[in-house]
Amino acid sequence: MRRKPYTQIGIRRLKCCVSGCENRGEFQWQCCATGNLWMPLCVEHDIGMNQMALEYIGHPRTEALVEEYRAKIAGE
């Protein structure tokens, strides 16, 4: 974890921050509860964080938005 965002090259050198996950970091998340530290996330855990946030706020299109996001990432 670090205070400044990772570079694209830097994030891919790290493993996902989720306990037990051995996948390569692809995305990053800044957590306010840890003093705004940046943490690497793999693709699946990034999607999971987005889905969890949408469910938390009760977004009416959670499933559709998550599937659109998943398709967007797969196309990159």
Protein backbone atom coordinates (compact mmCIF):
# COMPACT_ATOMS: atom_id res chain seq x y z
CA MET A 1 0.00 0.00 0.00
CA ARG A 2 1.16 3.50 -0.71
CA ARG A 3 0.09 7.14 -0.51
CA LYS A 4 0.50 7.96 -4.21
CA PRO A 5 -1.26 6.10 -7.03
CA TYR A 6 0.71 3.36 -8.72
CA THR A 7 1.83 3.66 -12.33
CA GLN A 8 0.46 1.15 -14.86
CA ILE A 9 3.79 -0.66 -14.83
CA GLY A 10 4.07 -0.48 -11.05
CA ILE A 11 0.61 -1.87 -10.32
CA ARG A 12 1.25 -4.94 -12.47
CA ARG A 13 4.33 -5.83 -10.44
CA LEU A 14 2.18 -6.33 -7.35
CA LYS A 15 -0.23 -8.99 -6.23
CA CYS A 16 -3.85 -8.20 -5.43
CA CYS A 17 -4.30 -6.92 -1.87
CA VAL A 18 -7.19 -9.31 -1.12
CA SER A 19 -6.09 -11.91 1.41
CA GLY A 20 -5.21 -15.19 -0.27
CA CYS A 21 -5.39 -13.82 -3.81
CA GLU A 22 -2.30 -14.49 -5.88
CA ASN A 23 -3.46 -12.64 -9.01
CA ARG A 24 -1.55 -9.72 -10.48
CA GLY A 25 -2.72 -6.20 -9.68
CA GLU A 26 -4.45 -4.48 -12.59
CA PHE A 27 -6.45 -1.76 -10.85
CA GLN A 28 -6.12 0.22 -7.67
CA TRP A 29 -8.42 1.35 -4.92
CA GLN A 30 -7.93 4.16 -2.45
CA CYS A 31 -9.33 3.36 0.96
CA CYS A 32 -10.31 6.30 3.15
CA ALA A 33 -10.35 4.14 6.29
CA THR A 34 -6.63 3.39 5.89
CA GLY A 35 -5.65 7.04 5.55
CA ASN A 36 -6.25 7.08 1.79
CA LEU A 37 -3.65 4.45 0.97
CA TRP A 38 -3.76 2.99 -2.55
CA MET A 39 -4.10 -0.79 -2.85
CA PRO A 40 -3.70 -3.07 -5.88
CA LEU A 41 -6.66 -5.16 -7.03
CA CYS A 42 -6.86 -7.91 -9.63
CA VAL A 43 -9.56 -7.77 -12.30
CA GLU A 44 -12.07 -9.96 -10.47
CA HIS A 45 -11.69 -8.16 -7.15
CA ASP A 46 -11.96 -4.77 -8.86
CA ILE A 47 -15.25 -5.89 -10.39
CA GLY A 48 -16.32 -7.18 -7.00
CA MET A 49 -15.55 -3.86 -5.31
CA ASN A 50 -17.58 -2.01 -7.93
CA GLN A 51 -20.48 -4.41 -7.53
CA MET A 52 -20.35 -4.15 -3.74
CA ALA A 53 -20.37 -0.34 -3.90
CA LEU A 54 -23.34 -0.30 -6.28
CA GLU A 55 -25.25 -2.75 -4.08
CA TYR A 56 -24.39 -0.70 -0.98
CA ILE A 57 -25.92 2.46 -2.43
CA GLY A 58 -28.89 0.50 -3.77
CA HIS A 59 -28.33 1.39 -7.41
CA PRO A 60 -31.30 0.08 -9.43
CA ARG A 61 -29.09 -1.04 -12.34
CA THR A 62 -26.35 -2.79 -10.37
CA GLU A 63 -26.37 -6.04 -12.36
CA ALA A 64 -26.49 -4.32 -15.74
CA LEU A 65 -23.72 -1.86 -14.83
CA VAL A 66 -21.47 -4.61 -13.50
CA GLU A 67 -21.94 -6.65 -16.68
CA GLU A 68 -21.21 -3.59 -18.83
CA TYR A 69 -18.08 -2.90 -16.79
CA ARG A 70 -16.97 -6.54 -17.04
CA ALA A 71 -17.42 -6.42 -20.85
CA LYS A 72 -15.49 -3.14 -21.05
CA ILE A 73 -12.57 -4.60 -19.13
CA ALA A 74 -12.58 -7.78 -21.23
CA GLY A 75 -12.36 -5.62 -24.37
CA GLU A 76 -9.26 -3.76 -23.20
